[in-house]
Amino acid sequence: MSQDDLISRLSVKSQEHIFLDELENSFELSPKEARGILDSAKTVFNLEGVSHPGNIRPGQIREIVLTKDASAGKPLSQLKKVEITLTSDAGEEDLDVLSKYGRVALREVHILRLVEEALD
């Protein structure tokens, strides 16, 4: 399977694609109109890249980890822990990176995103 085929298959599985498909087929909107509604909804509801506490999107996981200031040598039960949300798949954003820059760049983006989310 070529990289273009892979990107195409993955983009069809996204929530955005499902929403666009619903607008185009159920409401008989053009692809341009459907994309405009999606973009407006993201802006109005402040959904672009926002993770609301307690809610996770597809491609995200919640983990309990030690705080960054936890000292070594103490039992785990005595160390302070926090719950974090990590994004392993950012959907369209990752597909854009994959299509423009390739797998190596996507892997670098994943690593940087995971580190940033863990430190926040």
PDB file of N, CA and C in Angstrom:
ATOM      1  N   MET A   1       0.854  -1.177   0.000  1.00  0.00           N
ATOM      2  CA  MET A   1       0.000   0.000   0.000  1.00  0.00           C
ATOM      3  C   MET A   1       0.897   1.237   0.000  1.00  0.00           C
ATOM      4  N   SER A   2       0.625   2.164  -0.894  1.00  0.00           N
ATOM      5  CA  SER A   2       1.430   3.377  -0.986  1.00  0.00           C
ATOM      6  C   SER A   2       1.077   4.336   0.153  1.00  0.00           C
ATOM      7  N   GLN A   3       1.949   5.309   0.347  1.00  0.00           N
ATOM      8  CA  GLN A   3       1.724   6.290   1.410  1.00  0.00           C
ATOM      9  C   GLN A   3       0.468   7.108   1.124  1.00  0.00           C
ATOM     10  N   ASP A   4       0.220   7.438  -0.142  1.00  0.00           N
ATOM     11  CA  ASP A   4      -0.992   8.191  -0.495  1.00  0.00           C
ATOM     12  C   ASP A   4      -2.253   7.395  -0.180  1.00  0.00           C
ATOM     13  N   ASP A   5      -2.221   6.075  -0.460  1.00  0.00           N
ATOM     14  CA  ASP A   5      -3.367   5.221  -0.141  1.00  0.00           C
ATOM     15  C   ASP A   5      -3.602   5.176   1.362  1.00  0.00           C
ATOM     16  N   LEU A   6      -2.514   5.071   2.128  1.00  0.00           N
ATOM     17  CA  LEU A   6      -2.611   5.024   3.586  1.00  0.00           C
ATOM     18  C   LEU A   6      -3.218   6.318   4.123  1.00  0.00           C
ATOM     19  N   ILE A   7      -2.740   7.453   3.628  1.00  0.00           N
ATOM     20  CA  ILE A   7      -3.257   8.748   4.073  1.00  0.00           C
ATOM     21  C   ILE A   7      -4.738   8.865   3.747  1.00  0.00           C
ATOM     22  N   SER A   8      -5.112   8.433   2.558  1.00  0.00           N
ATOM     23  CA  SER A   8      -6.514   8.490   2.149  1.00  0.00           C
ATOM     24  C   SER A   8      -7.392   7.625   3.045  1.00  0.00           C
ATOM     25  N   ARG A   9      -6.946   6.405   3.350  1.00  0.00           N
ATOM     26  CA  ARG A   9      -7.723   5.502   4.200  1.00  0.00           C
ATOM     27  C   ARG A   9      -7.860   6.050   5.617  1.00  0.00           C
ATOM     28  N   LEU A  10      -6.781   6.614   6.157  1.00  0.00           N
ATOM     29  CA  LEU A  10      -6.831   7.140   7.523  1.00  0.00           C
ATOM     30  C   LEU A  10      -7.713   8.381   7.620  1.00  0.00           C
ATOM     31  N   SER A  11      -7.689   9.231   6.599  1.00  0.00           N
ATOM     32  CA  SER A  11      -8.499  10.451   6.668  1.00  0.00           C
ATOM     33  C   SER A  11      -9.991  10.137   6.626  1.00  0.00           C
ATOM     34  N   VAL A  12     -10.376   9.036   5.982  1.00  0.00           N
ATOM     35  CA  VAL A  12     -11.785   8.643   5.912  1.00  0.00           C
ATOM     36  C   VAL A  12     -12.300   8.225   7.284  1.00  0.00           C
ATOM     37  N   LYS A  13     -11.419   7.778   8.166  1.00  0.00           N
ATOM     38  CA  LYS A  13     -11.825   7.287   9.482  1.00  0.00           C
ATOM     39  C   LYS A  13     -11.925   8.390  10.533  1.00  0.00           C
ATOM     40  N   SER A  14     -11.610   9.620  10.180  1.00  0.00           N
ATOM     41  CA  SER A  14     -11.599  10.689  11.177  1.00  0.00           C
ATOM     42  C   SER A  14     -13.016  11.175  11.486  1.00  0.00           C
ATOM     43  N   GLN A  15     -13.180  11.786  12.661  1.00  0.00           N
ATOM     44  CA  GLN A  15     -14.469  12.362  13.041  1.00  0.00           C
ATOM     45  C   GLN A  15     -14.860  13.480  12.085  1.00  0.00           C
ATOM     46  N   GLU A  16     -13.863  14.237  11.629  1.00  0.00           N
ATOM     47  CA  GLU A  16     -14.151  15.315  10.693  1.00  0.00           C
ATOM     48  C   GLU A  16     -14.759  14.765   9.412  1.00  0.00           C
ATOM     49  N   HIS A  17     -14.198  13.682   8.903  1.00  0.00           N
ATOM     50  CA  HIS A  17     -14.719  13.109   7.662  1.00  0.00           C
ATOM     51  C   HIS A  17     -16.146  12.595   7.860  1.00  0.00           C
ATOM     52  N   ILE A  18     -16.409  11.973   8.989  1.00  0.00           N
ATOM     53  CA  ILE A  18     -17.759  11.472   9.273  1.00  0.00           C
ATOM     54  C   ILE A  18     -18.754  12.635   9.293  1.00  0.00           C
ATOM     55  N   PHE A  19     -18.373  13.743   9.938  1.00  0.00           N
ATOM     56  CA  PHE A  19     -19.232  14.924  10.002  1.00  0.00           C
ATOM     57  C   PHE A  19     -19.448  15.515   8.608  1.00  0.00           C
ATOM     58  N   LEU A  20     -18.357  15.639   7.836  1.00  0.00           N
ATOM     59  CA  LEU A  20     -18.471  16.173   6.477  1.00  0.00           C
ATOM     60  C   LEU A  20     -19.353  15.285   5.612  1.00  0.00           C
ATOM     61  N   ASP A  21     -19.187  13.980   5.738  1.00  0.00           N
ATOM     62  CA  ASP A  21     -19.990  13.029   4.969  1.00  0.00           C
ATOM     63  C   ASP A  21     -21.473  13.173   5.314  1.00  0.00           C
ATOM     64  N   GLU A  22     -21.764  13.356   6.593  1.00  0.00           N
ATOM     65  CA  GLU A  22     -23.151  13.542   7.039  1.00  0.00           C
ATOM     66  C   GLU A  22     -23.754  14.815   6.435  1.00  0.00           C
ATOM     67  N   LEU A  23     -22.992  15.900   6.455  1.00  0.00           N
ATOM     68  CA  LEU A  23     -23.485  17.160   5.882  1.00  0.00           C
ATOM     69  C   LEU A  23     -23.719  17.041   4.376  1.00  0.00           C
ATOM     70  N   GLU A  24     -22.782  16.396   3.696  1.00  0.00           N
ATOM     71  CA  GLU A  24     -22.890  16.283   2.237  1.00  0.00           C
ATOM     72  C   GLU A  24     -24.023  15.351   1.820  1.00  0.00           C
ATOM     73  N   ASN A  25     -24.175  14.226   2.494  1.00  0.00           N
ATOM     74  CA  ASN A  25     -25.166  13.237   2.075  1.00  0.00           C
ATOM     75  C   ASN A  25     -26.552  13.468   2.673  1.00  0.00           C
ATOM     76  N   SER A  26     -26.624  13.740   3.960  1.00  0.00           N
ATOM     77  CA  SER A  26     -27.934  13.904   4.598  1.00  0.00           C
ATOM     78  C   SER A  26     -28.565  15.265   4.314  1.00  0.00           C
ATOM     79  N   PHE A  27     -27.714  16.293   4.206  1.00  0.00           N
ATOM     80  CA  PHE A  27     -28.234  17.643   3.991  1.00  0.00           C
ATOM     81  C   PHE A  27     -27.993  18.147   2.572  1.00  0.00           C
ATOM     82  N   GLU A  28     -27.416  17.288   1.742  1.00  0.00           N
ATOM     83  CA  GLU A  28     -27.161  17.584   0.330  1.00  0.00           C
ATOM     84  C   GLU A  28     -26.393  18.888   0.129  1.00  0.00           C
ATOM     85  N   LEU A  29     -25.354  19.083   0.944  1.00  0.00           N
ATOM     86  CA  LEU A  29     -24.495  20.255   0.802  1.00  0.00           C
ATOM     87  C   LEU A  29     -23.300  19.903  -0.080  1.00  0.00           C
ATOM     88  N   SER A  30     -22.734  20.913  -0.714  1.00  0.00           N
ATOM     89  CA  SER A  30     -21.524  20.694  -1.503  1.00  0.00           C
ATOM     90  C   SER A  30     -20.352  20.476  -0.542  1.00  0.00           C
ATOM     91  N   PRO A  31     -19.272  19.854  -1.005  1.00  0.00           N
ATOM     92  CA  PRO A  31     -18.102  19.680  -0.137  1.00  0.00           C
ATOM     93  C   PRO A  31     -17.578  21.007   0.416  1.00  0.00           C
ATOM     94  N   LYS A  32     -17.627  22.063  -0.396  1.00  0.00           N
ATOM     95  CA  LYS A  32     -17.152  23.371   0.062  1.00  0.00           C
ATOM     96  C   LYS A  32     -18.053  23.924   1.169  1.00  0.00           C
ATOM     97  N   GLU A  33     -19.368  23.782   1.023  1.00  0.00           N
ATOM     98  CA  GLU A  33     -20.301  24.245   2.057  1.00  0.00           C
ATOM     99  C   GLU A  33     -20.115  23.447   3.347  1.00  0.00           C
ATOM    100  N   ALA A  34     -19.964  22.137   3.217  1.00  0.00           N
ATOM    101  CA  ALA A  34     -19.780  21.275   4.389  1.00  0.00           C
ATOM    102  C   ALA A  34     -18.500  21.650   5.130  1.00  0.00           C
ATOM    103  N   ARG A  35     -17.409  21.884   4.393  1.00  0.00           N
ATOM    104  CA  ARG A  35     -16.134  22.270   5.011  1.00  0.00           C
ATOM    105  C   ARG A  35     -16.288  23.615   5.718  1.00  0.00           C
ATOM    106  N   GLY A  36     -17.033  24.546   5.117  1.00  0.00           N
ATOM    107  CA  GLY A  36     -17.271  25.850   5.739  1.00  0.00           C
ATOM    108  C   GLY A  36     -18.020  25.728   7.053  1.00  0.00           C
ATOM    109  N   ILE A  37     -19.024  24.863   7.094  1.00  0.00           N
ATOM    110  CA  ILE A  37     -19.781  24.637   8.332  1.00  0.00           C
ATOM    111  C   ILE A  37     -18.884  24.011   9.394  1.00  0.00           C
ATOM    112  N   LEU A  38     -18.077  23.034   8.998  1.00  0.00           N
ATOM    113  CA  LEU A  38     -17.159  22.395   9.949  1.00  0.00           C
ATOM    114  C   LEU A  38     -16.184  23.421  10.526  1.00  0.00           C
ATOM    115  N   ASP A  39     -15.587  24.235   9.668  1.00  0.00           N
ATOM    116  CA  ASP A  39     -14.637  25.246  10.137  1.00  0.00           C
ATOM    117  C   ASP A  39     -15.308  26.263  11.062  1.00  0.00           C
ATOM    118  N   SER A  40     -16.537  26.671  10.722  1.00  0.00           N
ATOM    119  CA  SER A  40     -17.276  27.612  11.578  1.00  0.00           C
ATOM    120  C   SER A  40     -17.594  26.994  12.934  1.00  0.00           C
ATOM    121  N   ALA A  41     -18.008  25.730  12.938  1.00  0.00           N
ATOM    122  CA  ALA A  41     -18.323  25.042  14.196  1.00  0.00           C
ATOM    123  C   ALA A  41     -17.083  24.946  15.079  1.00  0.00           C
ATOM    124  N   LYS A  42     -15.942  24.646  14.484  1.00  0.00           N
ATOM    125  CA  LYS A  42     -14.698  24.573  15.259  1.00  0.00           C
ATOM    126  C   LYS A  42     -14.376  25.920  15.897  1.00  0.00           C
ATOM    127  N   THR A  43     -14.577  26.993  15.138  1.00  0.00           N
ATOM    128  CA  THR A  43     -14.285  28.331  15.642  1.00  0.00           C
ATOM    129  C   THR A  43     -15.266  28.742  16.736  1.00  0.00           C
ATOM    130  N   VAL A  44     -16.552  28.574  16.475  1.00  0.00           N
ATOM    131  CA  VAL A  44     -17.589  28.995  17.424  1.00  0.00           C
ATOM    132  C   VAL A  44     -17.486  28.229  18.736  1.00  0.00           C
ATOM    133  N   PHE A  45     -17.276  26.929  18.650  1.00  0.00           N
ATOM    134  CA  PHE A  45     -17.229  26.102  19.849  1.00  0.00           C
ATOM    135  C   PHE A  45     -15.814  25.916  20.378  1.00  0.00           C
ATOM    136  N   ASN A  46     -14.870  26.644  19.812  1.00  0.00           N
ATOM    137  CA  ASN A  46     -13.478  26.611  20.255  1.00  0.00           C
ATOM    138  C   ASN A  46     -12.954  25.177  20.337  1.00  0.00           C
ATOM    139  N   LEU A  47     -13.124  24.425  19.263  1.00  0.00           N
ATOM    140  CA  LEU A  47     -12.758  23.013  19.247  1.00  0.00           C
ATOM    141  C   LEU A  47     -11.397  22.738  18.634  1.00  0.00           C
ATOM    142  N   GLU A  48     -10.769  23.707  18.032  1.00  0.00           N
ATOM    143  CA  GLU A  48      -9.514  23.480  17.330  1.00  0.00           C
ATOM    144  C   GLU A  48      -8.388  23.212  18.316  1.00  0.00           C
ATOM    145  N   GLY A  49      -7.992  21.949  18.432  1.00  0.00           N
ATOM    146  CA  GLY A  49      -6.861  21.575  19.255  1.00  0.00           C
ATOM    147  C   GLY A  49      -7.067  21.712  20.745  1.00  0.00           C
ATOM    148  N   VAL A  50      -8.298  21.828  21.199  1.00  0.00           N
ATOM    149  CA  VAL A  50      -8.571  22.002  22.623  1.00  0.00           C
ATOM    150  C   VAL A  50      -8.975  20.673  23.233  1.00  0.00           C
ATOM    151  N   SER A  51      -8.378  20.369  24.353  1.00  0.00           N
ATOM    152  CA  SER A  51      -8.761  19.177  25.093  1.00  0.00           C
ATOM    153  C   SER A  51      -9.430  19.617  26.387  1.00  0.00           C
ATOM    154  N   HIS A  52     -10.685  19.291  26.548  1.00  0.00           N
ATOM    155  CA  HIS A  52     -11.416  19.672  27.755  1.00  0.00           C
ATOM    156  C   HIS A  52     -11.165  18.632  28.840  1.00  0.00           C
ATOM    157  N   PRO A  53     -10.902  19.061  30.070  1.00  0.00           N
ATOM    158  CA  PRO A  53     -10.633  18.113  31.146  1.00  0.00           C
ATOM    159  C   PRO A  53     -11.746  17.083  31.273  1.00  0.00           C
ATOM    160  N   GLY A  54     -11.358  15.836  31.398  1.00  0.00           N
ATOM    161  CA  GLY A  54     -12.327  14.761  31.555  1.00  0.00           C
ATOM    162  C   GLY A  54     -12.805  14.183  30.245  1.00  0.00           C
ATOM    163  N   ASN A  55     -12.694  14.931  29.172  1.00  0.00           N
ATOM    164  CA  ASN A  55     -13.112  14.443  27.859  1.00  0.00           C
ATOM    165  C   ASN A  55     -11.884  14.167  27.013  1.00  0.00           C
ATOM    166  N   ILE A  56     -11.835  12.994  26.441  1.00  0.00           N
ATOM    167  CA  ILE A  56     -10.731  12.716  25.535  1.00  0.00           C
ATOM    168  C   ILE A  56     -11.284  12.412  24.155  1.00  0.00           C
ATOM    169  N   ARG A  57     -10.533  12.804  23.164  1.00  0.00           N
ATOM    170  CA  ARG A  57     -10.913  12.573  21.774  1.00  0.00           C
ATOM    171  C   ARG A  57     -10.330  11.242  21.318  1.00  0.00           C
ATOM    172  N   PRO A  58     -10.830  10.717  20.211  1.00  0.00           N
ATOM    173  CA  PRO A  58     -10.189   9.528  19.647  1.00  0.00           C
ATOM    174  C   PRO A  58      -8.722   9.839  19.361  1.00  0.00           C
ATOM    175  N   GLY A  59      -7.848   8.903  19.677  1.00  0.00           N
ATOM    176  CA  GLY A  59      -6.417   9.118  19.487  1.00  0.00           C
ATOM    177  C   GLY A  59      -5.718   9.625  20.729  1.00  0.00           C
ATOM    178  N   GLN A  60      -6.475   9.813  21.812  1.00  0.00           N
ATOM    179  CA  GLN A  60      -5.886  10.276  23.066  1.00  0.00           C
ATOM    180  C   GLN A  60      -6.016   9.200  24.139  1.00  0.00           C
ATOM    181  N   ILE A  61      -5.104   9.259  25.107  1.00  0.00           N
ATOM    182  CA  ILE A  61      -5.166   8.360  26.260  1.00  0.00           C
ATOM    183  C   ILE A  61      -4.921   9.173  27.526  1.00  0.00           C
ATOM    184  N   ARG A  62      -5.444   8.686  28.629  1.00  0.00           N
ATOM    185  CA  ARG A  62      -5.198   9.307  29.936  1.00  0.00           C
ATOM    186  C   ARG A  62      -4.268   8.377  30.707  1.00  0.00           C
ATOM    187  N   GLU A  63      -3.263   8.958  31.342  1.00  0.00           N
ATOM    188  CA  GLU A  63      -2.304   8.189  32.128  1.00  0.00           C
ATOM    189  C   GLU A  63      -2.057   8.894  33.453  1.00  0.00           C
ATOM    190  N   ILE A  64      -1.756   8.115  34.462  1.00  0.00           N
ATOM    191  CA  ILE A  64      -1.347   8.663  35.753  1.00  0.00           C
ATOM    192  C   ILE A  64       0.162   8.504  35.832  1.00  0.00           C
ATOM    193  N   VAL A  65       0.845   9.634  36.029  1.00  0.00           N
ATOM    194  CA  VAL A  65       2.309   9.649  36.038  1.00  0.00           C
ATOM    195  C   VAL A  65       2.805  10.417  37.257  1.00  0.00           C
ATOM    196  N   LEU A  66       4.076  10.278  37.542  1.00  0.00           N
ATOM    197  CA  LEU A  66       4.690  11.038  38.624  1.00  0.00           C
ATOM    198  C   LEU A  66       4.905  12.475  38.175  1.00  0.00           C
ATOM    199  N   THR A  67       4.832  13.413  39.115  1.00  0.00           N
ATOM    200  CA  THR A  67       5.111  14.803  38.765  1.00  0.00           C
ATOM    201  C   THR A  67       6.582  14.937  38.411  1.00  0.00           C
ATOM    202  N   LYS A  68       6.910  15.986  37.654  1.00  0.00           N
ATOM    203  CA  LYS A  68       8.294  16.146  37.210  1.00  0.00           C
ATOM    204  C   LYS A  68       9.241  16.488  38.358  1.00  0.00           C
ATOM    205  N   ASP A  69       8.714  16.954  39.482  1.00  0.00           N
ATOM    206  CA  ASP A  69       9.580  17.267  40.621  1.00  0.00           C
ATOM    207  C   ASP A  69       9.655  16.132  41.646  1.00  0.00           C
ATOM    208  N   ALA A  70       9.141  14.949  41.301  1.00  0.00           N
ATOM    209  CA  ALA A  70       9.219  13.790  42.203  1.00  0.00           C
ATOM    210  C   ALA A  70      10.677  13.349  42.318  1.00  0.00           C
ATOM    211  N   SER A  71      11.121  13.140  43.549  1.00  0.00           N
ATOM    212  CA  SER A  71      12.527  12.773  43.757  1.00  0.00           C
ATOM    213  C   SER A  71      12.715  11.261  43.699  1.00  0.00           C
ATOM    214  N   ALA A  72      13.891  10.865  43.286  1.00  0.00           N
ATOM    215  CA  ALA A  72      14.211   9.437  43.192  1.00  0.00           C
ATOM    216  C   ALA A  72      14.519   8.881  44.578  1.00  0.00           C
ATOM    217  N   GLY A  73      14.372   7.581  44.725  1.00  0.00           N
ATOM    218  CA  GLY A  73      14.741   6.920  45.965  1.00  0.00           C
ATOM    219  C   GLY A  73      13.602   6.720  46.948  1.00  0.00           C
ATOM    220  N   LYS A  74      12.456   7.322  46.711  1.00  0.00           N
ATOM    221  CA  LYS A  74      11.308   7.143  47.601  1.00  0.00           C
ATOM    222  C   LYS A  74      10.380   6.088  47.013  1.00  0.00           C
ATOM    223  N   PRO A  75       9.594   5.423  47.858  1.00  0.00           N
ATOM    224  CA  PRO A  75       8.607   4.476  47.335  1.00  0.00           C
ATOM    225  C   PRO A  75       7.566   5.207  46.487  1.00  0.00           C
ATOM    226  N   LEU A  76       7.086   4.537  45.471  1.00  0.00           N
ATOM    227  CA  LEU A  76       6.097   5.132  44.574  1.00  0.00           C
ATOM    228  C   LEU A  76       4.870   5.625  45.321  1.00  0.00           C
ATOM    229  N   SER A  77       4.475   4.926  46.345  1.00  0.00           N
ATOM    230  CA  SER A  77       3.272   5.296  47.095  1.00  0.00           C
ATOM    231  C   SER A  77       3.414   6.657  47.773  1.00  0.00           C
ATOM    232  N   GLN A  78       4.638   7.109  47.998  1.00  0.00           N
ATOM    233  CA  GLN A  78       4.868   8.386  48.672  1.00  0.00           C
ATOM    234  C   GLN A  78       5.057   9.558  47.707  1.00  0.00           C
ATOM    235  N   LEU A  79       5.124   9.267  46.426  1.00  0.00           N
ATOM    236  CA  LEU A  79       5.381  10.318  45.447  1.00  0.00           C
ATOM    237  C   LEU A  79       4.073  10.889  44.900  1.00  0.00           C
ATOM    238  N   LYS A  80       4.103  12.176  44.574  1.00  0.00           N
ATOM    239  CA  LYS A  80       2.923  12.848  44.037  1.00  0.00           C
ATOM    240  C   LYS A  80       2.711  12.429  42.582  1.00  0.00           C
ATOM    241  N   LYS A  81       1.445  12.137  42.264  1.00  0.00           N
ATOM    242  CA  LYS A  81       1.083  11.704  40.918  1.00  0.00           C
ATOM    243  C   LYS A  81       0.053  12.666  40.335  1.00  0.00           C
ATOM    244  N   VAL A  82       0.043  12.751  38.999  1.00  0.00           N
ATOM    245  CA  VAL A  82      -0.938  13.572  38.285  1.00  0.00           C
ATOM    246  C   VAL A  82      -1.491  12.766  37.117  1.00  0.00           C
ATOM    247  N   GLU A  83      -2.695  13.138  36.686  1.00  0.00           N
ATOM    248  CA  GLU A  83      -3.290  12.501  35.515  1.00  0.00           C
ATOM    249  C   GLU A  83      -3.073  13.418  34.318  1.00  0.00           C
ATOM    250  N   ILE A  84      -2.577  12.851  33.217  1.00  0.00           N
ATOM    251  CA  ILE A  84      -2.316  13.633  32.013  1.00  0.00           C
ATOM    252  C   ILE A  84      -3.032  13.005  30.818  1.00  0.00           C
ATOM    253  N   THR A  85      -3.244  13.808  29.795  1.00  0.00           N
ATOM    254  CA  THR A  85      -3.808  13.330  28.537  1.00  0.00           C
ATOM    255  C   THR A  85      -2.723  13.404  27.479  1.00  0.00           C
ATOM    256  N   LEU A  86      -2.476  12.282  26.818  1.00  0.00           N
ATOM    257  CA  LEU A  86      -1.481  12.212  25.750  1.00  0.00           C
ATOM    258  C   LEU A  86      -2.185  11.945  24.423  1.00  0.00           C
ATOM    259  N   THR A  87      -1.726  12.605  23.380  1.00  0.00           N
ATOM    260  CA  THR A  87      -2.316  12.440  22.051  1.00  0.00           C
ATOM    261  C   THR A  87      -1.375  11.627  21.184  1.00  0.00           C
ATOM    262  N   SER A  88      -1.787  10.403  20.862  1.00  0.00           N
ATOM    263  CA  SER A  88      -0.967   9.564  19.984  1.00  0.00           C
ATOM    264  C   SER A  88      -1.351   9.750  18.525  1.00  0.00           C
ATOM    265  N   ASP A  89      -2.571  10.222  18.267  1.00  0.00           N
ATOM    266  CA  ASP A  89      -3.031  10.447  16.897  1.00  0.00           C
ATOM    267  C   ASP A  89      -3.870  11.715  16.874  1.00  0.00           C
ATOM    268  N   ALA A  90      -3.356  12.754  16.216  1.00  0.00           N
ATOM    269  CA  ALA A  90      -4.060  14.039  16.160  1.00  0.00           C
ATOM    270  C   ALA A  90      -4.922  14.181  14.911  1.00  0.00           C
ATOM    271  N   GLY A  91      -5.214  13.087  14.258  1.00  0.00           N
ATOM    272  CA  GLY A  91      -6.129  13.096  13.119  1.00  0.00           C
ATOM    273  C   GLY A  91      -5.608  13.859  11.921  1.00  0.00           C
ATOM    274  N   GLU A  92      -6.388  14.847  11.477  1.00  0.00           N
ATOM    275  CA  GLU A  92      -6.062  15.610  10.266  1.00  0.00           C
ATOM    276  C   GLU A  92      -4.694  16.281  10.355  1.00  0.00           C
ATOM    277  N   GLU A  93      -4.353  16.795  11.521  1.00  0.00           N
ATOM    278  CA  GLU A  93      -3.056  17.453  11.698  1.00  0.00           C
ATOM    279  C   GLU A  93      -1.913  16.485  11.385  1.00  0.00           C
ATOM    280  N   ASP A  94      -2.004  15.262  11.891  1.00  0.00           N
ATOM    281  CA  ASP A  94      -0.978  14.253  11.624  1.00  0.00           C
ATOM    282  C   ASP A  94      -0.968  13.835  10.161  1.00  0.00           C
ATOM    283  N   LEU A  95      -2.140  13.733   9.563  1.00  0.00           N
ATOM    284  CA  LEU A  95      -2.204  13.361   8.146  1.00  0.00           C
ATOM    285  C   LEU A  95      -1.567  14.432   7.265  1.00  0.00           C
ATOM    286  N   ASP A  96      -1.740  15.700   7.628  1.00  0.00           N
ATOM    287  CA  ASP A  96      -1.097  16.780   6.878  1.00  0.00           C
ATOM    288  C   ASP A  96       0.420  16.665   6.952  1.00  0.00           C
ATOM    289  N   VAL A  97       0.943  16.423   8.150  1.00  0.00           N
ATOM    290  CA  VAL A  97       2.389  16.268   8.318  1.00  0.00           C
ATOM    291  C   VAL A  97       2.884  15.067   7.521  1.00  0.00           C
ATOM    292  N   LEU A  98       2.170  13.948   7.601  1.00  0.00           N
ATOM    293  CA  LEU A  98       2.560  12.742   6.874  1.00  0.00           C
ATOM    294  C   LEU A  98       2.582  12.979   5.372  1.00  0.00           C
ATOM    295  N   SER A  99       1.563  13.634   4.848  1.00  0.00           N
ATOM    296  CA  SER A  99       1.501  13.839   3.394  1.00  0.00           C
ATOM    297  C   SER A  99       2.529  14.855   2.906  1.00  0.00           C
ATOM    298  N   LYS A 100       2.835  15.869   3.711  1.00  0.00           N
ATOM    299  CA  LYS A 100       3.770  16.911   3.276  1.00  0.00           C
ATOM    300  C   LYS A 100       5.231  16.551   3.532  1.00  0.00           C
ATOM    301  N   TYR A 101       5.508  15.891   4.678  1.00  0.00           N
ATOM    302  CA  TYR A 101       6.896  15.714   5.096  1.00  0.00           C
ATOM    303  C   TYR A 101       7.328  14.263   5.291  1.00  0.00           C
ATOM    304  N   GLY A 102       6.392  13.321   5.311  1.00  0.00           N
ATOM    305  CA  GLY A 102       6.744  11.911   5.414  1.00  0.00           C
ATOM    306  C   GLY A 102       6.698  11.355   6.829  1.00  0.00           C
ATOM    307  N   ARG A 103       7.023  10.057   6.912  1.00  0.00           N
ATOM    308  CA  ARG A 103       6.915   9.326   8.176  1.00  0.00           C
ATOM    309  C   ARG A 103       7.902   9.781   9.242  1.00  0.00           C
ATOM    310  N   VAL A 104       9.122  10.122   8.824  1.00  0.00           N
ATOM    311  CA  VAL A 104      10.133  10.545   9.798  1.00  0.00           C
ATOM    312  C   VAL A 104       9.674  11.817  10.501  1.00  0.00           C
ATOM    313  N   ALA A 105       9.178  12.774   9.734  1.00  0.00           N
ATOM    314  CA  ALA A 105       8.687  14.023  10.324  1.00  0.00           C
ATOM    315  C   ALA A 105       7.487  13.765  11.230  1.00  0.00           C
ATOM    316  N   LEU A 106       6.606  12.854  10.818  1.00  0.00           N
ATOM    317  CA  LEU A 106       5.442  12.532  11.647  1.00  0.00           C
ATOM    318  C   LEU A 106       5.880  11.937  12.983  1.00  0.00           C
ATOM    319  N   ARG A 107       6.869  11.056  12.944  1.00  0.00           N
ATOM    320  CA  ARG A 107       7.385  10.468  14.182  1.00  0.00           C
ATOM    321  C   ARG A 107       7.964  11.558  15.088  1.00  0.00           C
ATOM    322  N   GLU A 108       8.699  12.517  14.500  1.00  0.00           N
ATOM    323  CA  GLU A 108       9.259  13.621  15.281  1.00  0.00           C
ATOM    324  C   GLU A 108       8.149  14.468  15.907  1.00  0.00           C
ATOM    325  N   VAL A 109       7.095  14.728  15.138  1.00  0.00           N
ATOM    326  CA  VAL A 109       5.953  15.499  15.655  1.00  0.00           C
ATOM    327  C   VAL A 109       5.290  14.755  16.810  1.00  0.00           C
ATOM    328  N   HIS A 110       5.121  13.434  16.667  1.00  0.00           N
ATOM    329  CA  HIS A 110       4.521  12.629  17.744  1.00  0.00           C
ATOM    330  C   HIS A 110       5.342  12.742  19.025  1.00  0.00           C
ATOM    331  N   ILE A 111       6.652  12.577  18.896  1.00  0.00           N
ATOM    332  CA  ILE A 111       7.525  12.617  20.077  1.00  0.00           C
ATOM    333  C   ILE A 111       7.457  13.987  20.743  1.00  0.00           C
ATOM    334  N   LEU A 112       7.576  15.048  19.952  1.00  0.00           N
ATOM    335  CA  LEU A 112       7.517  16.402  20.519  1.00  0.00           C
ATOM    336  C   LEU A 112       6.182  16.673  21.200  1.00  0.00           C
ATOM    337  N   ARG A 113       5.090  16.250  20.567  1.00  0.00           N
ATOM    338  CA  ARG A 113       3.758  16.476  21.142  1.00  0.00           C
ATOM    339  C   ARG A 113       3.613  15.726  22.468  1.00  0.00           C
ATOM    340  N   LEU A 114       4.047  14.463  22.508  1.00  0.00           N
ATOM    341  CA  LEU A 114       3.938  13.672  23.739  1.00  0.00           C
ATOM    342  C   LEU A 114       4.747  14.295  24.872  1.00  0.00           C
ATOM    343  N   VAL A 115       5.956  14.765  24.561  1.00  0.00           N
ATOM    344  CA  VAL A 115       6.793  15.393  25.589  1.00  0.00           C
ATOM    345  C   VAL A 115       6.144  16.681  26.090  1.00  0.00           C
ATOM    346  N   GLU A 116       5.656  17.520  25.166  1.00  0.00           N
ATOM    347  CA  GLU A 116       5.007  18.775  25.569  1.00  0.00           C
ATOM    348  C   GLU A 116       3.778  18.520  26.433  1.00  0.00           C
ATOM    349  N   GLU A 117       2.959  17.546  26.042  1.00  0.00           N
ATOM    350  CA  GLU A 117       1.753  17.245  26.821  1.00  0.00           C
ATOM    351  C   GLU A 117       2.108  16.681  28.195  1.00  0.00           C
ATOM    352  N   ALA A 118       3.138  15.879  28.256  1.00  0.00           N
ATOM    353  CA  ALA A 118       3.544  15.298  29.539  1.00  0.00           C
ATOM    354  C   ALA A 118       4.074  16.374  30.485  1.00  0.00           C
ATOM    355  N   LEU A 119       4.776  17.365  29.944  1.00  0.00           N
ATOM    356  CA  LEU A 119       5.349  18.418  30.785  1.00  0.00           C
ATOM    357  C   LEU A 119       4.330  19.474  31.195  1.00  0.00           C
ATOM    358  N   ASP A 120       3.254  19.619  30.431  1.00  0.00           N
ATOM    359  CA  ASP A 120       2.213  20.597  30.781  1.00  0.00           C
ATOM    360  C   ASP A 120       1.466  20.083  31.964  1.00  0.00           C
TER     361      ASP A 120
END
